[in-house]
Structures are given as C-alpha cells and as structure tokens.
Amino acid sequence: MAKTLTMRLDDETYRTFASAAKAQRRSLANLVETAALERLQEINFVDDIEMAEIFSREDLVKRLKAGSRDARKRKGRFVEAV
C-alpha cells in the first residue's frame, strides 16, 4: 500500500521541482519519487559499462572472489557500512 510523505522545501527548490514536473507532464510527487529512486540506484548499483570494466580486470576479480570467500568463512575484520 502506498505511503504518504510530507516534505518541506524552500520556495526555490519547490519551483525547480514544479517546473520540471510540468515540463515532463507528470505530478510533482511522481517526479520526486522517480528522481529519488533513480539516484539511489545510481549510488547503490553498478551500471553495465562499469561492471564490464570490473570483470575485465582479472586481478580485481580474483581479489573480489577471495574477499567473498573470506566473508563467508567470517575470516578477517569487517567494517559496518554507513
């Protein structure tokens, strides 16, 4: 079920969002939701080009696999992501 979120925006930010929503012919809520989701995906996930670059580096892939094995074995010191 959809949830309601209340936000406070300064006038300039509101006008920027409202103008972009109008130009794209969608609601302000849809614009903000879509932009936020896209930004989170951009930050949290690697795109296809970057992934191909990672896989092209054998040394890096080898180290990633070793790190994954160590994590499964709970070997080493782990730092909590913030």
PDB file of N, CA and C in Angstrom:
ATOM      1  N   MET A   1       0.845  -1.179   0.000  1.00  0.00           N
ATOM      2  CA  MET A   1       0.000   0.000   0.000  1.00  0.00           C
ATOM      3  C   MET A   1       0.888   1.239   0.000  1.00  0.00           C
ATOM      4  N   ALA A   2       0.494   2.228  -0.757  1.00  0.00           N
ATOM      5  CA  ALA A   2       1.277   3.463  -0.857  1.00  0.00           C
ATOM      6  C   ALA A   2       1.304   4.203   0.482  1.00  0.00           C
ATOM      7  N   LYS A   3       2.409   4.854   0.745  1.00  0.00           N
ATOM      8  CA  LYS A   3       2.588   5.643   1.969  1.00  0.00           C
ATOM      9  C   LYS A   3       2.669   7.117   1.598  1.00  0.00           C
ATOM     10  N   THR A   4       2.296   7.963   2.523  1.00  0.00           N
ATOM     11  CA  THR A   4       2.333   9.410   2.320  1.00  0.00           C
ATOM     12  C   THR A   4       3.554   9.974   3.017  1.00  0.00           C
ATOM     13  N   LEU A   5       4.246  10.869   2.337  1.00  0.00           N
ATOM     14  CA  LEU A   5       5.425  11.519   2.874  1.00  0.00           C
ATOM     15  C   LEU A   5       5.224  13.025   2.780  1.00  0.00           C
ATOM     16  N   THR A   6       5.458  13.715   3.872  1.00  0.00           N
ATOM     17  CA  THR A   6       5.352  15.173   3.880  1.00  0.00           C
ATOM     18  C   THR A   6       6.757  15.755   3.881  1.00  0.00           C
ATOM     19  N   MET A   7       6.993  16.707   2.983  1.00  0.00           N
ATOM     20  CA  MET A   7       8.314  17.328   2.864  1.00  0.00           C
ATOM     21  C   MET A   7       8.192  18.839   2.976  1.00  0.00           C
ATOM     22  N   ARG A   8       9.218  19.464   3.480  1.00  0.00           N
ATOM     23  CA  ARG A   8       9.298  20.921   3.489  1.00  0.00           C
ATOM     24  C   ARG A   8      10.395  21.312   2.521  1.00  0.00           C
ATOM     25  N   LEU A   9      10.058  22.176   1.564  1.00  0.00           N
ATOM     26  CA  LEU A   9      11.010  22.650   0.575  1.00  0.00           C
ATOM     27  C   LEU A   9      11.035  24.172   0.599  1.00  0.00           C
ATOM     28  N   ASP A  10      12.217  24.735   0.377  1.00  0.00           N
ATOM     29  CA  ASP A  10      12.245  26.192   0.248  1.00  0.00           C
ATOM     30  C   ASP A  10      11.606  26.553  -1.100  1.00  0.00           C
ATOM     31  N   ASP A  11      11.233  27.803  -1.257  1.00  0.00           N
ATOM     32  CA  ASP A  11      10.485  28.237  -2.443  1.00  0.00           C
ATOM     33  C   ASP A  11      11.225  27.951  -3.747  1.00  0.00           C
ATOM     34  N   GLU A  12      12.527  28.189  -3.760  1.00  0.00           N
ATOM     35  CA  GLU A  12      13.303  27.985  -4.986  1.00  0.00           C
ATOM     36  C   GLU A  12      13.337  26.507  -5.383  1.00  0.00           C
ATOM     37  N   THR A  13      13.541  25.630  -4.409  1.00  0.00           N
ATOM     38  CA  THR A  13      13.562  24.192  -4.689  1.00  0.00           C
ATOM     39  C   THR A  13      12.200  23.731  -5.172  1.00  0.00           C
ATOM     40  N   TYR A  14      11.143  24.208  -4.536  1.00  0.00           N
ATOM     41  CA  TYR A  14       9.792  23.841  -4.955  1.00  0.00           C
ATOM     42  C   TYR A  14       9.544  24.258  -6.397  1.00  0.00           C
ATOM     43  N   ARG A  15       9.917  25.503  -6.739  1.00  0.00           N
ATOM     44  CA  ARG A  15       9.711  25.988  -8.105  1.00  0.00           C
ATOM     45  C   ARG A  15      10.497  25.143  -9.116  1.00  0.00           C
ATOM     46  N   THR A  16      11.699  24.735  -8.748  1.00  0.00           N
ATOM     47  CA  THR A  16      12.514  23.897  -9.632  1.00  0.00           C
ATOM     48  C   THR A  16      11.831  22.566  -9.880  1.00  0.00           C
ATOM     49  N   PHE A  17      11.381  21.911  -8.798  1.00  0.00           N
ATOM     50  CA  PHE A  17      10.686  20.629  -8.940  1.00  0.00           C
ATOM     51  C   PHE A  17       9.388  20.792  -9.718  1.00  0.00           C
ATOM     52  N   ALA A  18       8.609  21.791  -9.376  1.00  0.00           N
ATOM     53  CA  ALA A  18       7.312  22.000 -10.034  1.00  0.00           C
ATOM     54  C   ALA A  18       7.495  22.272 -11.523  1.00  0.00           C
ATOM     55  N   SER A  19       8.501  23.048 -11.866  1.00  0.00           N
ATOM     56  CA  SER A  19       8.773  23.355 -13.270  1.00  0.00           C
ATOM     57  C   SER A  19       9.173  22.094 -14.036  1.00  0.00           C
ATOM     58  N   ALA A  20      10.025  21.273 -13.435  1.00  0.00           N
ATOM     59  CA  ALA A  20      10.449  20.028 -14.080  1.00  0.00           C
ATOM     60  C   ALA A  20       9.268  19.076 -14.246  1.00  0.00           C
ATOM     61  N   ALA A  21       8.429  18.969 -13.233  1.00  0.00           N
ATOM     62  CA  ALA A  21       7.253  18.090 -13.306  1.00  0.00           C
ATOM     63  C   ALA A  21       6.315  18.546 -14.413  1.00  0.00           C
ATOM     64  N   LYS A  22       6.093  19.838 -14.500  1.00  0.00           N
ATOM     65  CA  LYS A  22       5.204  20.385 -15.542  1.00  0.00           C
ATOM     66  C   LYS A  22       5.771  20.112 -16.926  1.00  0.00           C
ATOM     67  N   ALA A  23       7.078  20.302 -17.087  1.00  0.00           N
ATOM     68  CA  ALA A  23       7.713  20.081 -18.384  1.00  0.00           C
ATOM     69  C   ALA A  23       7.619  18.615 -18.811  1.00  0.00           C
ATOM     70  N   GLN A  24       7.611  17.717 -17.842  1.00  0.00           N
ATOM     71  CA  GLN A  24       7.535  16.286 -18.137  1.00  0.00           C
ATOM     72  C   GLN A  24       6.102  15.760 -18.085  1.00  0.00           C
ATOM     73  N   ARG A  25       5.174  16.663 -17.839  1.00  0.00           N
ATOM     74  CA  ARG A  25       3.740  16.326 -17.807  1.00  0.00           C
ATOM     75  C   ARG A  25       3.432  15.207 -16.814  1.00  0.00           C
ATOM     76  N   ARG A  26       3.941  15.394 -15.598  1.00  0.00           N
ATOM     77  CA  ARG A  26       3.621  14.436 -14.537  1.00  0.00           C
ATOM     78  C   ARG A  26       3.502  15.174 -13.220  1.00  0.00           C
ATOM     79  N   SER A  27       3.009  14.465 -12.221  1.00  0.00           N
ATOM     80  CA  SER A  27       2.791  15.108 -10.929  1.00  0.00           C
ATOM     81  C   SER A  27       4.121  15.377 -10.234  1.00  0.00           C
ATOM     82  N   LEU A  28       4.083  16.331  -9.340  1.00  0.00           N
ATOM     83  CA  LEU A  28       5.260  16.655  -8.542  1.00  0.00           C
ATOM     84  C   LEU A  28       5.684  15.441  -7.713  1.00  0.00           C
ATOM     85  N   ALA A  29       4.725  14.750  -7.128  1.00  0.00           N
ATOM     86  CA  ALA A  29       5.026  13.567  -6.324  1.00  0.00           C
ATOM     87  C   ALA A  29       5.724  12.504  -7.159  1.00  0.00           C
ATOM     88  N   ASN A  30       5.247  12.281  -8.387  1.00  0.00           N
ATOM     89  CA  ASN A  30       5.860  11.286  -9.257  1.00  0.00           C
ATOM     90  C   ASN A  30       7.274  11.692  -9.638  1.00  0.00           C
ATOM     91  N   LEU A  31       7.492  12.959  -9.910  1.00  0.00           N
ATOM     92  CA  LEU A  31       8.826  13.446 -10.251  1.00  0.00           C
ATOM     93  C   LEU A  31       9.801  13.205  -9.101  1.00  0.00           C
ATOM     94  N   VAL A  32       9.405  13.584  -7.891  1.00  0.00           N
ATOM     95  CA  VAL A  32      10.275  13.434  -6.723  1.00  0.00           C
ATOM     96  C   VAL A  32      10.551  11.952  -6.449  1.00  0.00           C
ATOM     97  N   GLU A  33       9.521  11.110  -6.514  1.00  0.00           N
ATOM     98  CA  GLU A  33       9.697   9.676  -6.270  1.00  0.00           C
ATOM     99  C   GLU A  33      10.649   9.062  -7.293  1.00  0.00           C
ATOM    100  N   THR A  34      10.420   9.354  -8.561  1.00  0.00           N
ATOM    101  CA  THR A  34      11.251   8.799  -9.625  1.00  0.00           C
ATOM    102  C   THR A  34      12.694   9.276  -9.509  1.00  0.00           C
ATOM    103  N   ALA A  35      12.883  10.562  -9.269  1.00  0.00           N
ATOM    104  CA  ALA A  35      14.236  11.118  -9.148  1.00  0.00           C
ATOM    105  C   ALA A  35      14.976  10.501  -7.961  1.00  0.00           C
ATOM    106  N   ALA A  36      14.287  10.332  -6.857  1.00  0.00           N
ATOM    107  CA  ALA A  36      14.919   9.750  -5.668  1.00  0.00           C
ATOM    108  C   ALA A  36      15.308   8.298  -5.928  1.00  0.00           C
ATOM    109  N   LEU A  37      14.425   7.525  -6.531  1.00  0.00           N
ATOM    110  CA  LEU A  37      14.733   6.127  -6.829  1.00  0.00           C
ATOM    111  C   LEU A  37      15.897   6.001  -7.812  1.00  0.00           C
ATOM    112  N   GLU A  38      15.895   6.837  -8.850  1.00  0.00           N
ATOM    113  CA  GLU A  38      16.986   6.804  -9.824  1.00  0.00           C
ATOM    114  C   GLU A  38      18.315   7.130  -9.157  1.00  0.00           C
ATOM    115  N   ARG A  39      18.311   8.106  -8.278  1.00  0.00           N
ATOM    116  CA  ARG A  39      19.555   8.491  -7.591  1.00  0.00           C
ATOM    117  C   ARG A  39      20.055   7.373  -6.685  1.00  0.00           C
ATOM    118  N   LEU A  40      19.143   6.725  -5.959  1.00  0.00           N
ATOM    119  CA  LEU A  40      19.541   5.616  -5.097  1.00  0.00           C
ATOM    120  C   LEU A  40      20.117   4.467  -5.911  1.00  0.00           C
ATOM    121  N   GLN A  41      19.522   4.163  -7.047  1.00  0.00           N
ATOM    122  CA  GLN A  41      20.042   3.092  -7.902  1.00  0.00           C
ATOM    123  C   GLN A  41      21.406   3.477  -8.459  1.00  0.00           C
ATOM    124  N   GLU A  42      21.569   4.722  -8.806  1.00  0.00           N
ATOM    125  CA  GLU A  42      22.845   5.210  -9.329  1.00  0.00           C
ATOM    126  C   GLU A  42      23.951   5.072  -8.285  1.00  0.00           C
ATOM    127  N   ILE A  43      23.622   5.358  -7.036  1.00  0.00           N
ATOM    128  CA  ILE A  43      24.600   5.295  -5.955  1.00  0.00           C
ATOM    129  C   ILE A  43      24.890   3.853  -5.548  1.00  0.00           C
ATOM    130  N   ASN A  44      23.849   3.023  -5.472  1.00  0.00           N
ATOM    131  CA  ASN A  44      23.982   1.690  -4.895  1.00  0.00           C
ATOM    132  C   ASN A  44      24.318   0.584  -5.883  1.00  0.00           C
ATOM    133  N   PHE A  45      24.159   0.826  -7.175  1.00  0.00           N
ATOM    134  CA  PHE A  45      24.364  -0.228  -8.149  1.00  0.00           C
ATOM    135  C   PHE A  45      25.322   0.217  -9.241  1.00  0.00           C
ATOM    136  N   VAL A  46      25.992  -0.754  -9.829  1.00  0.00           N
ATOM    137  CA  VAL A  46      26.958  -0.513 -10.893  1.00  0.00           C
ATOM    138  C   VAL A  46      26.243  -0.672 -12.235  1.00  0.00           C
ATOM    139  N   ASP A  47      26.520   0.239 -13.185  1.00  0.00           N
ATOM    140  CA  ASP A  47      25.892   0.096 -14.499  1.00  0.00           C
ATOM    141  C   ASP A  47      26.660  -0.936 -15.335  1.00  0.00           C
ATOM    142  N   ASP A  48      26.118  -1.308 -16.484  1.00  0.00           N
ATOM    143  CA  ASP A  48      26.696  -2.370 -17.310  1.00  0.00           C
ATOM    144  C   ASP A  48      28.117  -2.053 -17.768  1.00  0.00           C
ATOM    145  N   ILE A  49      28.376  -0.815 -18.100  1.00  0.00           N
ATOM    146  CA  ILE A  49      29.709  -0.419 -18.564  1.00  0.00           C
ATOM    147  C   ILE A  49      30.730  -0.578 -17.443  1.00  0.00           C
ATOM    148  N   GLU A  50      30.377  -0.099 -16.257  1.00  0.00           N
ATOM    149  CA  GLU A  50      31.287  -0.219 -15.118  1.00  0.00           C
ATOM    150  C   GLU A  50      31.491  -1.683 -14.736  1.00  0.00           C
ATOM    151  N   MET A  51      30.436  -2.485 -14.820  1.00  0.00           N
ATOM    152  CA  MET A  51      30.556  -3.906 -14.493  1.00  0.00           C
ATOM    153  C   MET A  51      31.492  -4.599 -15.480  1.00  0.00           C
ATOM    154  N   ALA A  52      31.378  -4.280 -16.759  1.00  0.00           N
ATOM    155  CA  ALA A  52      32.261  -4.865 -17.772  1.00  0.00           C
ATOM    156  C   ALA A  52      33.716  -4.489 -17.498  1.00  0.00           C
ATOM    157  N   GLU A  53      33.924  -3.254 -17.074  1.00  0.00           N
ATOM    158  CA  GLU A  53      35.276  -2.801 -16.747  1.00  0.00           C
ATOM    159  C   GLU A  53      35.827  -3.583 -15.550  1.00  0.00           C
ATOM    160  N   ILE A  54      34.999  -3.810 -14.554  1.00  0.00           N
ATOM    161  CA  ILE A  54      35.423  -4.586 -13.381  1.00  0.00           C
ATOM    162  C   ILE A  54      35.803  -6.001 -13.796  1.00  0.00           C
ATOM    163  N   PHE A  55      34.942  -6.659 -14.576  1.00  0.00           N
ATOM    164  CA  PHE A  55      35.204  -8.035 -14.986  1.00  0.00           C
ATOM    165  C   PHE A  55      36.400  -8.153 -15.922  1.00  0.00           C
ATOM    166  N   SER A  56      36.775  -7.081 -16.584  1.00  0.00           N
ATOM    167  CA  SER A  56      37.924  -7.122 -17.488  1.00  0.00           C
ATOM    168  C   SER A  56      39.247  -7.121 -16.727  1.00  0.00           C
ATOM    169  N   ARG A  57      39.218  -6.797 -15.457  1.00  0.00           N
ATOM    170  CA  ARG A  57      40.433  -6.756 -14.639  1.00  0.00           C
ATOM    171  C   ARG A  57      40.540  -8.039 -13.825  1.00  0.00           C
ATOM    172  N   GLU A  58      41.323  -8.978 -14.349  1.00  0.00           N
ATOM    173  CA  GLU A  58      41.445 -10.288 -13.702  1.00  0.00           C
ATOM    174  C   GLU A  58      41.947 -10.182 -12.268  1.00  0.00           C
ATOM    175  N   ASP A  59      42.892  -9.269 -12.020  1.00  0.00           N
ATOM    176  CA  ASP A  59      43.426  -9.118 -10.666  1.00  0.00           C
ATOM    177  C   ASP A  59      42.347  -8.684  -9.688  1.00  0.00           C
ATOM    178  N   LEU A  60      41.487  -7.794 -10.126  1.00  0.00           N
ATOM    179  CA  LEU A  60      40.408  -7.303  -9.275  1.00  0.00           C
ATOM    180  C   LEU A  60      39.375  -8.402  -9.017  1.00  0.00           C
ATOM    181  N   VAL A  61      39.008  -9.135 -10.058  1.00  0.00           N
ATOM    182  CA  VAL A  61      38.037 -10.227  -9.912  1.00  0.00           C
ATOM    183  C   VAL A  61      38.575 -11.267  -8.931  1.00  0.00           C
ATOM    184  N   LYS A  62      39.856 -11.576  -9.050  1.00  0.00           N
ATOM    185  CA  LYS A  62      40.477 -12.558  -8.146  1.00  0.00           C
ATOM    186  C   LYS A  62      40.403 -12.075  -6.694  1.00  0.00           C
ATOM    187  N   ARG A  63      40.693 -10.798  -6.462  1.00  0.00           N
ATOM    188  CA  ARG A  63      40.641 -10.251  -5.109  1.00  0.00           C
ATOM    189  C   ARG A  63      39.208 -10.212  -4.574  1.00  0.00           C
ATOM    190  N   LEU A  64      38.248  -9.889  -5.441  1.00  0.00           N
ATOM    191  CA  LEU A  64      36.845  -9.862  -5.023  1.00  0.00           C
ATOM    192  C   LEU A  64      36.367 -11.259  -4.619  1.00  0.00           C
ATOM    193  N   LYS A  65      36.760 -12.260  -5.402  1.00  0.00           N
ATOM    194  CA  LYS A  65      36.376 -13.634  -5.079  1.00  0.00           C
ATOM    195  C   LYS A  65      37.000 -14.074  -3.758  1.00  0.00           C
ATOM    196  N   ALA A  66      38.263 -13.723  -3.552  1.00  0.00           N
ATOM    197  CA  ALA A  66      38.934 -14.076  -2.291  1.00  0.00           C
ATOM    198  C   ALA A  66      38.240 -13.388  -1.114  1.00  0.00           C
ATOM    199  N   GLY A  67      37.877 -12.140  -1.290  1.00  0.00           N
ATOM    200  CA  GLY A  67      37.176 -11.415  -0.232  1.00  0.00           C
ATOM    201  C   GLY A  67      35.823 -12.021   0.071  1.00  0.00           C
ATOM    202  N   SER A  68      35.127 -12.456  -0.969  1.00  0.00           N
ATOM    203  CA  SER A  68      33.819 -13.090  -0.785  1.00  0.00           C
ATOM    204  C   SER A  68      33.973 -14.412  -0.021  1.00  0.00           C
ATOM    205  N   ARG A  69      34.990 -15.195  -0.381  1.00  0.00           N
ATOM    206  CA  ARG A  69      35.241 -16.456   0.344  1.00  0.00           C
ATOM    207  C   ARG A  69      35.559 -16.176   1.810  1.00  0.00           C
ATOM    208  N   ASP A  70      36.406 -15.170   2.052  1.00  0.00           N
ATOM    209  CA  ASP A  70      36.764 -14.822   3.430  1.00  0.00           C
ATOM    210  C   ASP A  70      35.532 -14.379   4.221  1.00  0.00           C
ATOM    211  N   ALA A  71      34.662 -13.630   3.587  1.00  0.00           N
ATOM    212  CA  ALA A  71      33.449 -13.157   4.270  1.00  0.00           C
ATOM    213  C   ALA A  71      32.551 -14.333   4.646  1.00  0.00           C
ATOM    214  N   ARG A  72      32.404 -15.298   3.725  1.00  0.00           N
ATOM    215  CA  ARG A  72      31.578 -16.481   4.030  1.00  0.00           C
ATOM    216  C   ARG A  72      32.152 -17.264   5.211  1.00  0.00           C
ATOM    217  N   LYS A  73      33.480 -17.285   5.306  1.00  0.00           N
ATOM    218  CA  LYS A  73      34.147 -18.011   6.390  1.00  0.00           C
ATOM    219  C   LYS A  73      34.281 -17.160   7.654  1.00  0.00           C
ATOM    220  N   ARG A  74      33.798 -15.918   7.559  1.00  0.00           N
ATOM    221  CA  ARG A  74      33.919 -14.947   8.650  1.00  0.00           C
ATOM    222  C   ARG A  74      35.377 -14.740   9.036  1.00  0.00           C
ATOM    223  N   LYS A  75      36.227 -14.741   8.033  1.00  0.00           N
ATOM    224  CA  LYS A  75      37.662 -14.554   8.215  1.00  0.00           C
ATOM    225  C   LYS A  75      37.990 -13.082   7.970  1.00  0.00           C
ATOM    226  N   GLY A  76      38.738 -12.493   8.853  1.00  0.00           N
ATOM    227  CA  GLY A  76      39.154 -11.112   8.670  1.00  0.00           C
ATOM    228  C   GLY A  76      38.369 -10.168   9.557  1.00  0.00           C
ATOM    229  N   ARG A  77      38.635  -8.894   9.369  1.00  0.00           N
ATOM    230  CA  ARG A  77      37.970  -7.859  10.144  1.00  0.00           C
ATOM    231  C   ARG A  77      36.976  -7.128   9.256  1.00  0.00           C
ATOM    232  N   PHE A  78      35.747  -6.973   9.712  1.00  0.00           N
ATOM    233  CA  PHE A  78      34.705  -6.368   8.908  1.00  0.00           C
ATOM    234  C   PHE A  78      34.312  -5.014   9.469  1.00  0.00           C
ATOM    235  N   VAL A  79      34.043  -4.113   8.568  1.00  0.00           N
ATOM    236  CA  VAL A  79      33.655  -2.753   8.924  1.00  0.00           C
ATOM    237  C   VAL A  79      32.222  -2.554   8.476  1.00  0.00           C
ATOM    238  N   GLU A  80      31.399  -2.001   9.334  1.00  0.00           N
ATOM    239  CA  GLU A  80      29.995  -1.757   9.012  1.00  0.00           C
ATOM    240  C   GLU A  80      29.876  -0.589   8.048  1.00  0.00           C
ATOM    241  N   ALA A  81      29.119  -0.775   6.981  1.00  0.00           N
ATOM    242  CA  ALA A  81      28.883   0.302   6.018  1.00  0.00           C
ATOM    243  C   ALA A  81      27.933   1.319   6.618  1.00  0.00           C
ATOM    244  N   VAL A  82      28.205   2.563   6.365  1.00  0.00           N
ATOM    245  CA  VAL A  82      27.373   3.637   6.900  1.00  0.00           C
ATOM    246  C   VAL A  82      26.549   4.232   5.799  1.00  0.00           C
TER     247      VAL A  82
END
